[in-house]
PDB file of all heavy atoms in Angstrom:
ATOM      1  N   ALA A   1       8.621  -6.776   0.520  1.00  0.00           N
ATOM      2  CA  ALA A   1       9.300  -6.024  -0.573  1.00  0.00           C
ATOM      3  C   ALA A   1       8.315  -5.624  -1.680  1.00  0.00           C
ATOM      4  O   ALA A   1       7.318  -6.339  -1.910  1.00  0.00           O
ATOM      5  CB  ALA A   1      10.495  -6.836  -1.198  1.00  0.00           C
ATOM      6  N   LYS A   2       8.657  -4.574  -2.365  1.00  0.00           N
ATOM      7  CA  LYS A   2       7.943  -4.100  -3.517  1.00  0.00           C
ATOM      8  C   LYS A   2       8.868  -4.185  -4.689  1.00  0.00           C
ATOM      9  O   LYS A   2       9.460  -3.189  -5.143  1.00  0.00           O
ATOM     10  CB  LYS A   2       7.422  -2.681  -3.353  1.00  0.00           C
ATOM     11  CG  LYS A   2       6.670  -2.480  -2.089  1.00  0.00           C
ATOM     12  CD  LYS A   2       5.381  -3.245  -2.047  1.00  0.00           C
ATOM     13  CE  LYS A   2       4.419  -2.753  -3.069  1.00  0.00           C
ATOM     14  NZ  LYS A   2       3.074  -3.435  -3.033  1.00  0.00           N
ATOM     15  N   PRO A   3       9.272  -5.410  -5.216  1.00  0.00           N
ATOM     16  CA  PRO A   3      10.384  -5.559  -6.096  1.00  0.00           C
ATOM     17  C   PRO A   3      10.031  -5.409  -7.583  1.00  0.00           C
ATOM     18  O   PRO A   3      10.935  -5.655  -8.407  1.00  0.00           O
ATOM     19  CB  PRO A   3      10.834  -7.019  -5.810  1.00  0.00           C
ATOM     20  CG  PRO A   3       9.520  -7.717  -5.517  1.00  0.00           C
ATOM     21  CD  PRO A   3       8.669  -6.662  -4.800  1.00  0.00           C
ATOM     22  N   GLU A   4       8.781  -4.987  -7.911  1.00  0.00           N
ATOM     23  CA  GLU A   4       8.453  -4.972  -9.358  1.00  0.00           C
ATOM     24  C   GLU A   4       9.409  -4.046 -10.218  1.00  0.00           C
ATOM     25  O   GLU A   4       9.633  -4.394 -11.366  1.00  0.00           O
ATOM     26  CB  GLU A   4       6.997  -4.508  -9.426  1.00  0.00           C
ATOM     27  CG  GLU A   4       5.935  -5.392  -8.926  1.00  0.00           C
ATOM     28  CD  GLU A   4       5.619  -5.222  -7.502  1.00  0.00           C
ATOM     29  OE1 GLU A   4       6.375  -4.512  -6.745  1.00  0.00           O
ATOM     30  OE2 GLU A   4       4.620  -5.798  -7.021  1.00  0.00           O
ATOM     31  N   ILE A   5       9.904  -3.037  -9.636  1.00  0.00           N
ATOM     32  CA  ILE A   5      10.735  -2.127 -10.381  1.00  0.00           C
ATOM     33  C   ILE A   5      12.005  -2.901 -10.866  1.00  0.00           C
ATOM     34  O   ILE A   5      12.614  -2.514 -11.865  1.00  0.00           O
ATOM     35  CB  ILE A   5      11.217  -0.888  -9.504  1.00  0.00           C
ATOM     36  CG1 ILE A   5      11.780   0.226 -10.421  1.00  0.00           C
ATOM     37  CG2 ILE A   5      12.095  -1.256  -8.427  1.00  0.00           C
ATOM     38  CD1 ILE A   5      11.841   1.567  -9.889  1.00  0.00           C
ATOM     39  N   ARG A   6      12.418  -3.926 -10.167  1.00  0.00           N
ATOM     40  CA  ARG A   6      13.567  -4.763 -10.582  1.00  0.00           C
ATOM     41  C   ARG A   6      13.255  -5.533 -11.803  1.00  0.00           C
ATOM     42  O   ARG A   6      14.205  -6.069 -12.466  1.00  0.00           O
ATOM     43  CB  ARG A   6      14.020  -5.584  -9.417  1.00  0.00           C
ATOM     44  CG  ARG A   6      14.470  -4.814  -8.264  1.00  0.00           C
ATOM     45  CD  ARG A   6      15.153  -5.668  -7.164  1.00  0.00           C
ATOM     46  NE  ARG A   6      15.514  -4.797  -6.034  1.00  0.00           N
ATOM     47  CZ  ARG A   6      16.313  -5.280  -5.017  1.00  0.00           C
ATOM     48  NH1 ARG A   6      16.766  -6.488  -5.076  1.00  0.00           N
ATOM     49  NH2 ARG A   6      16.657  -4.362  -4.124  1.00  0.00           N
ATOM     50  N   LEU A   7      11.981  -5.654 -12.177  1.00  0.00           N
ATOM     51  CA  LEU A   7      11.572  -6.294 -13.408  1.00  0.00           C
ATOM     52  C   LEU A   7      11.274  -5.300 -14.472  1.00  0.00           C
ATOM     53  O   LEU A   7      10.924  -5.709 -15.592  1.00  0.00           O
ATOM     54  CB  LEU A   7      10.312  -7.184 -13.170  1.00  0.00           C
ATOM     55  CG  LEU A   7      10.404  -8.289 -12.133  1.00  0.00           C
ATOM     56  CD1 LEU A   7       9.068  -8.995 -11.878  1.00  0.00           C
ATOM     57  CD2 LEU A   7      11.456  -9.336 -12.496  1.00  0.00           C
ATOM     58  N   GLY A   8      11.476  -4.057 -14.252  1.00  0.00           N
ATOM     59  CA  GLY A   8      11.254  -3.049 -15.187  1.00  0.00           C
ATOM     60  C   GLY A   8       9.809  -2.647 -15.357  1.00  0.00           C
ATOM     61  O   GLY A   8       9.324  -2.268 -16.436  1.00  0.00           O
ATOM     62  N   MET A   9       9.004  -2.705 -14.226  1.00  0.00           N
ATOM     63  CA  MET A   9       7.629  -2.412 -14.265  1.00  0.00           C
ATOM     64  C   MET A   9       7.081  -1.903 -13.017  1.00  0.00           C
ATOM     65  O   MET A   9       7.791  -2.067 -11.896  1.00  0.00           O
ATOM     66  CB  MET A   9       6.796  -3.701 -14.607  1.00  0.00           C
ATOM     67  CG  MET A   9       7.018  -4.838 -13.574  1.00  0.00           C
ATOM     68  SD  MET A   9       6.094  -6.353 -13.956  1.00  0.00           S
ATOM     69  CE  MET A   9       4.575  -6.010 -13.259  1.00  0.00           C
ATOM     70  N   PRO A  10       5.976  -1.241 -12.915  1.00  0.00           N
ATOM     71  CA  PRO A  10       5.342  -0.826 -11.656  1.00  0.00           C
ATOM     72  C   PRO A  10       4.573  -2.020 -11.076  1.00  0.00           C
ATOM     73  O   PRO A  10       4.209  -2.973 -11.783  1.00  0.00           O
ATOM     74  CB  PRO A  10       4.433   0.296 -12.057  1.00  0.00           C
ATOM     75  CG  PRO A  10       3.994  -0.035 -13.416  1.00  0.00           C
ATOM     76  CD  PRO A  10       5.172  -0.733 -14.123  1.00  0.00           C
ATOM     77  N   PRO A  11       4.200  -1.927  -9.839  1.00  0.00           N
ATOM     78  CA  PRO A  11       3.189  -2.910  -9.308  1.00  0.00           C
ATOM     79  C   PRO A  11       1.903  -2.825 -10.038  1.00  0.00           C
ATOM     80  O   PRO A  11       1.601  -1.763 -10.597  1.00  0.00           O
ATOM     81  CB  PRO A  11       3.018  -2.425  -7.837  1.00  0.00           C
ATOM     82  CG  PRO A  11       4.308  -1.711  -7.472  1.00  0.00           C
ATOM     83  CD  PRO A  11       4.672  -1.004  -8.775  1.00  0.00           C
ATOM     84  N   THR A  12       1.196  -3.947 -10.034  1.00  0.00           N
ATOM     85  CA  THR A  12      -0.020  -3.990 -10.849  1.00  0.00           C
ATOM     86  C   THR A  12      -1.251  -4.491 -10.120  1.00  0.00           C
ATOM     87  O   THR A  12      -2.354  -4.561 -10.657  1.00  0.00           O
ATOM     88  CB  THR A  12       0.221  -4.917 -12.049  1.00  0.00           C
ATOM     89  OG1 THR A  12       0.594  -6.189 -11.605  1.00  0.00           O
ATOM     90  CG2 THR A  12       1.202  -4.357 -13.040  1.00  0.00           C
ATOM     91  N   PHE A  13      -1.100  -4.885  -8.864  1.00  0.00           N
ATOM     92  CA  PHE A  13      -2.233  -5.423  -8.116  1.00  0.00           C
ATOM     93  C   PHE A  13      -2.817  -4.355  -7.127  1.00  0.00           C
ATOM     94  O   PHE A  13      -3.422  -4.685  -6.156  1.00  0.00           O
ATOM     95  CB  PHE A  13      -1.885  -6.655  -7.354  1.00  0.00           C
ATOM     96  CG  PHE A  13      -1.608  -7.872  -8.145  1.00  0.00           C
ATOM     97  CD1 PHE A  13      -1.567  -7.849  -9.515  1.00  0.00           C
ATOM     98  CD2 PHE A  13      -1.392  -9.126  -7.525  1.00  0.00           C
ATOM     99  CE1 PHE A  13      -1.298  -9.005 -10.269  1.00  0.00           C
ATOM    100  CE2 PHE A  13      -1.091 -10.270  -8.271  1.00  0.00           C
ATOM    101  CZ  PHE A  13      -1.073 -10.249  -9.651  1.00  0.00           C
ATOM    102  N   GLY A  14      -2.374  -3.081  -7.269  1.00  0.00           N
ATOM    103  CA  GLY A  14      -2.830  -1.991  -6.485  1.00  0.00           C
ATOM    104  C   GLY A  14      -1.812  -1.386  -5.580  1.00  0.00           C
ATOM    105  O   GLY A  14      -2.065  -0.507  -4.801  1.00  0.00           O
ATOM    106  N   GLY A  15      -0.545  -1.820  -5.672  1.00  0.00           N
ATOM    107  CA  GLY A  15       0.504  -1.415  -4.842  1.00  0.00           C
ATOM    108  C   GLY A  15       0.872   0.138  -4.953  1.00  0.00           C
ATOM    109  O   GLY A  15       1.198   0.729  -3.977  1.00  0.00           O
ATOM    110  N   THR A  16       0.737   0.651  -6.171  1.00  0.00           N
ATOM    111  CA  THR A  16       1.056   2.091  -6.299  1.00  0.00           C
ATOM    112  C   THR A  16      -0.097   2.947  -5.684  1.00  0.00           C
ATOM    113  O   THR A  16       0.069   4.111  -5.461  1.00  0.00           O
ATOM    114  CB  THR A  16       1.193   2.489  -7.741  1.00  0.00           C
ATOM    115  OG1 THR A  16      -0.075   2.258  -8.484  1.00  0.00           O
ATOM    116  CG2 THR A  16       2.280   1.720  -8.451  1.00  0.00           C
ATOM    117  N   GLN A  17      -1.221   2.374  -5.388  1.00  0.00           N
ATOM    118  CA  GLN A  17      -2.359   3.101  -4.860  1.00  0.00           C
ATOM    119  C   GLN A  17      -2.532   2.886  -3.336  1.00  0.00           C
ATOM    120  O   GLN A  17      -2.710   3.828  -2.580  1.00  0.00           O
ATOM    121  CB  GLN A  17      -3.643   2.770  -5.591  1.00  0.00           C
ATOM    122  CG  GLN A  17      -3.551   3.066  -7.101  1.00  0.00           C
ATOM    123  CD  GLN A  17      -3.123   4.442  -7.426  1.00  0.00           C
ATOM    124  OE1 GLN A  17      -3.762   5.397  -6.978  1.00  0.00           O
ATOM    125  NE2 GLN A  17      -2.065   4.646  -8.146  1.00  0.00           N
ATOM    126  N   ARG A  18      -2.513   1.622  -2.915  1.00  0.00           N
ATOM    127  CA  ARG A  18      -2.772   1.337  -1.525  1.00  0.00           C
ATOM    128  C   ARG A  18      -1.622   1.628  -0.624  1.00  0.00           C
ATOM    129  O   ARG A  18      -1.784   2.194   0.505  1.00  0.00           O
ATOM    130  CB  ARG A  18      -3.213  -0.104  -1.376  1.00  0.00           C
ATOM    131  CG  ARG A  18      -4.588  -0.436  -1.998  1.00  0.00           C
ATOM    132  CD  ARG A  18      -5.122  -1.802  -1.601  1.00  0.00           C
ATOM    133  NE  ARG A  18      -6.352  -2.135  -2.305  1.00  0.00           N
ATOM    134  CZ  ARG A  18      -6.456  -2.682  -3.468  1.00  0.00           C
ATOM    135  NH1 ARG A  18      -5.413  -3.064  -4.093  1.00  0.00           N
ATOM    136  NH2 ARG A  18      -7.727  -2.852  -3.975  1.00  0.00           N
ATOM    137  N   LEU A  19      -0.381   1.386  -1.048  1.00  0.00           N
ATOM    138  CA  LEU A  19       0.709   1.605  -0.116  1.00  0.00           C
ATOM    139  C   LEU A  19       0.895   3.050   0.206  1.00  0.00           C
ATOM    140  O   LEU A  19       1.100   3.387   1.383  1.00  0.00           O
ATOM    141  CB  LEU A  19       2.034   1.013  -0.763  1.00  0.00           C
ATOM    142  CG  LEU A  19       3.263   1.118   0.132  1.00  0.00           C
ATOM    143  CD1 LEU A  19       3.030   0.286   1.434  1.00  0.00           C
ATOM    144  CD2 LEU A  19       4.500   0.631  -0.585  1.00  0.00           C
ATOM    145  N   PRO A  20       0.826   3.967  -0.734  1.00  0.00           N
ATOM    146  CA  PRO A  20       0.897   5.412  -0.284  1.00  0.00           C
ATOM    147  C   PRO A  20      -0.213   5.863   0.623  1.00  0.00           C
ATOM    148  O   PRO A  20       0.016   6.669   1.522  1.00  0.00           O
ATOM    149  CB  PRO A  20       0.805   6.159  -1.668  1.00  0.00           C
ATOM    150  CG  PRO A  20       1.288   5.233  -2.673  1.00  0.00           C
ATOM    151  CD  PRO A  20       0.848   3.832  -2.198  1.00  0.00           C
ATOM    152  N   ARG A  21      -1.370   5.202   0.497  1.00  0.00           N
ATOM    153  CA  ARG A  21      -2.481   5.590   1.404  1.00  0.00           C
ATOM    154  C   ARG A  21      -2.232   5.005   2.766  1.00  0.00           C
ATOM    155  O   ARG A  21      -2.613   5.599   3.772  1.00  0.00           O
ATOM    156  CB  ARG A  21      -3.795   5.036   0.815  1.00  0.00           C
ATOM    157  CG  ARG A  21      -4.314   5.767  -0.425  1.00  0.00           C
ATOM    158  CD  ARG A  21      -5.423   5.072  -1.069  1.00  0.00           C
ATOM    159  NE  ARG A  21      -6.147   5.854  -2.049  1.00  0.00           N
ATOM    160  CZ  ARG A  21      -5.741   6.154  -3.233  1.00  0.00           C
ATOM    161  NH1 ARG A  21      -4.582   5.667  -3.708  1.00  0.00           N
ATOM    162  NH2 ARG A  21      -6.529   6.908  -4.051  1.00  0.00           N
ATOM    163  N   LEU A  22      -1.545   3.892   2.865  1.00  0.00           N
ATOM    164  CA  LEU A  22      -1.233   3.313   4.182  1.00  0.00           C
ATOM    165  C   LEU A  22       0.034   3.990   4.804  1.00  0.00           C
ATOM    166  O   LEU A  22      -0.075   4.238   6.012  1.00  0.00           O
ATOM    167  CB  LEU A  22      -0.956   1.773   3.980  1.00  0.00           C
ATOM    168  CG  LEU A  22      -2.110   0.897   3.756  1.00  0.00           C
ATOM    169  CD1 LEU A  22      -1.661  -0.503   3.342  1.00  0.00           C
ATOM    170  CD2 LEU A  22      -2.953   0.752   4.994  1.00  0.00           C
ATOM    171  N   ALA A  23       1.040   4.141   4.049  1.00  0.00           N
ATOM    172  CA  ALA A  23       2.383   4.469   4.618  1.00  0.00           C
ATOM    173  C   ALA A  23       2.681   5.938   4.409  1.00  0.00           C
ATOM    174  O   ALA A  23       3.604   6.488   5.143  1.00  0.00           O
ATOM    175  CB  ALA A  23       3.436   3.693   3.991  1.00  0.00           C
ATOM    176  N   GLY A  24       1.929   6.693   3.601  1.00  0.00           N
ATOM    177  CA  GLY A  24       2.319   8.098   3.267  1.00  0.00           C
ATOM    178  C   GLY A  24       3.139   8.109   1.899  1.00  0.00           C
ATOM    179  O   GLY A  24       3.911   7.077   1.644  1.00  0.00           O
ATOM    180  N   ARG A  25       3.030   9.123   1.186  1.00  0.00           N
ATOM    181  CA  ARG A  25       3.634   9.200  -0.180  1.00  0.00           C
ATOM    182  C   ARG A  25       5.126   9.045  -0.195  1.00  0.00           C
ATOM    183  O   ARG A  25       5.615   8.146  -0.973  1.00  0.00           O
ATOM    184  CB  ARG A  25       3.243  10.576  -0.767  1.00  0.00           C
ATOM    185  CG  ARG A  25       3.797  10.795  -2.180  1.00  0.00           C
ATOM    186  CD  ARG A  25       3.210  12.003  -2.755  1.00  0.00           C
ATOM    187  NE  ARG A  25       3.782  12.392  -4.005  1.00  0.00           N
ATOM    188  CZ  ARG A  25       4.779  13.290  -4.191  1.00  0.00           C
ATOM    189  NH1 ARG A  25       5.257  13.917  -3.156  1.00  0.00           N
ATOM    190  NH2 ARG A  25       5.216  13.558  -5.341  1.00  0.00           N
ATOM    191  N   LYS A  26       5.855   9.669   0.657  1.00  0.00           N
ATOM    192  CA  LYS A  26       7.322   9.627   0.517  1.00  0.00           C
ATOM    193  C   LYS A  26       7.838   8.288   1.050  1.00  0.00           C
ATOM    194  O   LYS A  26       8.761   7.737   0.405  1.00  0.00           O
ATOM    195  CB  LYS A  26       7.935  10.792   1.311  1.00  0.00           C
ATOM    196  CG  LYS A  26       7.796  12.117   0.526  1.00  0.00           C
ATOM    197  CD  LYS A  26       8.479  13.272   1.258  1.00  0.00           C
ATOM    198  CE  LYS A  26       8.561  14.497   0.455  1.00  0.00           C
ATOM    199  NZ  LYS A  26       7.205  14.875  -0.067  1.00  0.00           N
ATOM    200  N   ARG A  27       7.272   7.721   2.045  1.00  0.00           N
ATOM    201  CA  ARG A  27       7.758   6.445   2.582  1.00  0.00           C
ATOM    202  C   ARG A  27       7.424   5.343   1.549  1.00  0.00           C
ATOM    203  O   ARG A  27       8.175   4.409   1.313  1.00  0.00           O
ATOM    204  CB  ARG A  27       7.155   6.179   3.925  1.00  0.00           C
ATOM    205  CG  ARG A  27       7.769   7.031   5.027  1.00  0.00           C
ATOM    206  CD  ARG A  27       7.237   6.754   6.437  1.00  0.00           C
ATOM    207  NE  ARG A  27       5.843   7.021   6.531  1.00  0.00           N
ATOM    208  CZ  ARG A  27       5.146   6.910   7.686  1.00  0.00           C
ATOM    209  NH1 ARG A  27       5.771   6.514   8.797  1.00  0.00           N
ATOM    210  NH2 ARG A  27       3.855   7.331   7.756  1.00  0.00           N
ATOM    211  N   ALA A  28       6.174   5.424   0.951  1.00  0.00           N
ATOM    212  CA  ALA A  28       5.837   4.465  -0.051  1.00  0.00           C
ATOM    213  C   ALA A  28       6.775   4.582  -1.327  1.00  0.00           C
ATOM    214  O   ALA A  28       7.171   3.597  -1.874  1.00  0.00           O
ATOM    215  CB  ALA A  28       4.377   4.644  -0.469  1.00  0.00           C
ATOM    216  N   MET A  29       7.012   5.852  -1.708  1.00  0.00           N
ATOM    217  CA  MET A  29       7.903   6.071  -2.870  1.00  0.00           C
ATOM    218  C   MET A  29       9.251   5.372  -2.727  1.00  0.00           C
ATOM    219  O   MET A  29       9.815   4.723  -3.673  1.00  0.00           O
ATOM    220  CB  MET A  29       8.050   7.534  -3.137  1.00  0.00           C
ATOM    221  CG  MET A  29       6.901   8.158  -3.808  1.00  0.00           C
ATOM    222  SD  MET A  29       6.713   7.588  -5.525  1.00  0.00           S
ATOM    223  CE  MET A  29       5.546   8.843  -6.089  1.00  0.00           C
ATOM    224  N   GLU A  30       9.854   5.452  -1.500  1.00  0.00           N
ATOM    225  CA  GLU A  30      11.204   4.879  -1.312  1.00  0.00           C
ATOM    226  C   GLU A  30      11.101   3.380  -1.524  1.00  0.00           C
ATOM    227  O   GLU A  30      11.939   2.758  -2.149  1.00  0.00           O
ATOM    228  CB  GLU A  30      11.612   5.146   0.149  1.00  0.00           C
ATOM    229  CG  GLU A  30      12.980   4.526   0.479  1.00  0.00           C
ATOM    230  CD  GLU A  30      13.462   4.894   1.917  1.00  0.00           C
ATOM    231  OE1 GLU A  30      12.758   5.688   2.558  1.00  0.00           O
ATOM    232  OE2 GLU A  30      14.436   4.267   2.289  1.00  0.00           O
ATOM    233  N   LEU A  31      10.051   2.741  -0.968  1.00  0.00           N
ATOM    234  CA  LEU A  31       9.906   1.218  -1.165  1.00  0.00           C
ATOM    235  C   LEU A  31       9.601   0.916  -2.576  1.00  0.00           C
ATOM    236  O   LEU A  31      10.136  -0.091  -3.106  1.00  0.00           O
ATOM    237  CB  LEU A  31       8.807   0.744  -0.246  1.00  0.00           C
ATOM    238  CG  LEU A  31       8.997   1.032   1.254  1.00  0.00           C
ATOM    239  CD1 LEU A  31       7.806   0.565   2.001  1.00  0.00           C
ATOM    240  CD2 LEU A  31      10.247   0.252   1.789  1.00  0.00           C
ATOM    241  N   LEU A  32       8.732   1.648  -3.227  1.00  0.00           N
ATOM    242  CA  LEU A  32       8.340   1.343  -4.628  1.00  0.00           C
ATOM    243  C   LEU A  32       9.522   1.564  -5.623  1.00  0.00           C
ATOM    244  O   LEU A  32       9.650   0.836  -6.614  1.00  0.00           O
ATOM    245  CB  LEU A  32       7.164   2.190  -5.040  1.00  0.00           C
ATOM    246  CG  LEU A  32       5.849   1.858  -4.300  1.00  0.00           C
ATOM    247  CD1 LEU A  32       4.816   2.967  -4.520  1.00  0.00           C
ATOM    248  CD2 LEU A  32       5.263   0.531  -4.820  1.00  0.00           C
ATOM    249  N   LEU A  33      10.285   2.566  -5.393  1.00  0.00           N
ATOM    250  CA  LEU A  33      11.383   3.004  -6.317  1.00  0.00           C
ATOM    251  C   LEU A  33      12.681   2.294  -6.117  1.00  0.00           C
ATOM    252  O   LEU A  33      13.487   2.278  -7.001  1.00  0.00           O
ATOM    253  CB  LEU A  33      11.601   4.488  -6.263  1.00  0.00           C
ATOM    254  CG  LEU A  33      10.349   5.355  -6.767  1.00  0.00           C
ATOM    255  CD1 LEU A  33      10.601   6.848  -6.583  1.00  0.00           C
ATOM    256  CD2 LEU A  33      10.024   5.054  -8.210  1.00  0.00           C
ATOM    257  N   THR A  34      12.910   1.700  -4.903  1.00  0.00           N
ATOM    258  CA  THR A  34      14.166   0.991  -4.716  1.00  0.00           C
ATOM    259  C   THR A  34      13.959  -0.487  -4.801  1.00  0.00           C
ATOM    260  O   THR A  34      14.872  -1.240  -5.158  1.00  0.00           O
ATOM    261  CB  THR A  34      14.653   1.282  -3.241  1.00  0.00           C
ATOM    262  OG1 THR A  34      13.794   0.822  -2.323  1.00  0.00           O
ATOM    263  CG2 THR A  34      14.961   2.790  -3.073  1.00  0.00           C
ATOM    264  N   GLY A  35      12.748  -1.021  -4.501  1.00  0.00           N
ATOM    265  CA  GLY A  35      12.555  -2.452  -4.490  1.00  0.00           C
ATOM    266  C   GLY A  35      13.205  -3.212  -3.414  1.00  0.00           C
ATOM    267  O   GLY A  35      13.265  -4.455  -3.356  1.00  0.00           O
ATOM    268  N   GLU A  36      13.639  -2.463  -2.385  1.00  0.00           N
ATOM    269  CA  GLU A  36      14.376  -3.108  -1.257  1.00  0.00           C
ATOM    270  C   GLU A  36      13.495  -3.794  -0.328  1.00  0.00           C
ATOM    271  O   GLU A  36      12.330  -3.417  -0.082  1.00  0.00           O
ATOM    272  CB  GLU A  36      15.219  -1.989  -0.503  1.00  0.00           C
ATOM    273  CG  GLU A  36      16.293  -1.397  -1.368  1.00  0.00           C
ATOM    274  CD  GLU A  36      16.993  -0.218  -0.718  1.00  0.00           C
ATOM    275  OE1 GLU A  36      16.537   0.264   0.330  1.00  0.00           O
ATOM    276  OE2 GLU A  36      17.965   0.346  -1.264  1.00  0.00           O
ATOM    277  N   THR A  37      14.004  -4.877   0.322  1.00  0.00           N
ATOM    278  CA  THR A  37      13.265  -5.545   1.292  1.00  0.00           C
ATOM    279  C   THR A  37      13.147  -4.755   2.592  1.00  0.00           C
ATOM    280  O   THR A  37      13.964  -3.893   2.870  1.00  0.00           O
ATOM    281  CB  THR A  37      13.895  -6.943   1.644  1.00  0.00           C
ATOM    282  OG1 THR A  37      15.163  -6.707   2.182  1.00  0.00           O
ATOM    283  CG2 THR A  37      13.978  -7.830   0.425  1.00  0.00           C
TER     284      THR A  37
END
């Protein structure tokens, strides 16, 4: 999970940068913006 948004913040250890590079922008956005497992 990428649950940082549930704390009212973005990821801070590189998740906004590495995940889109691995998974693609739109698929990463869904995980980052929902915080779902």
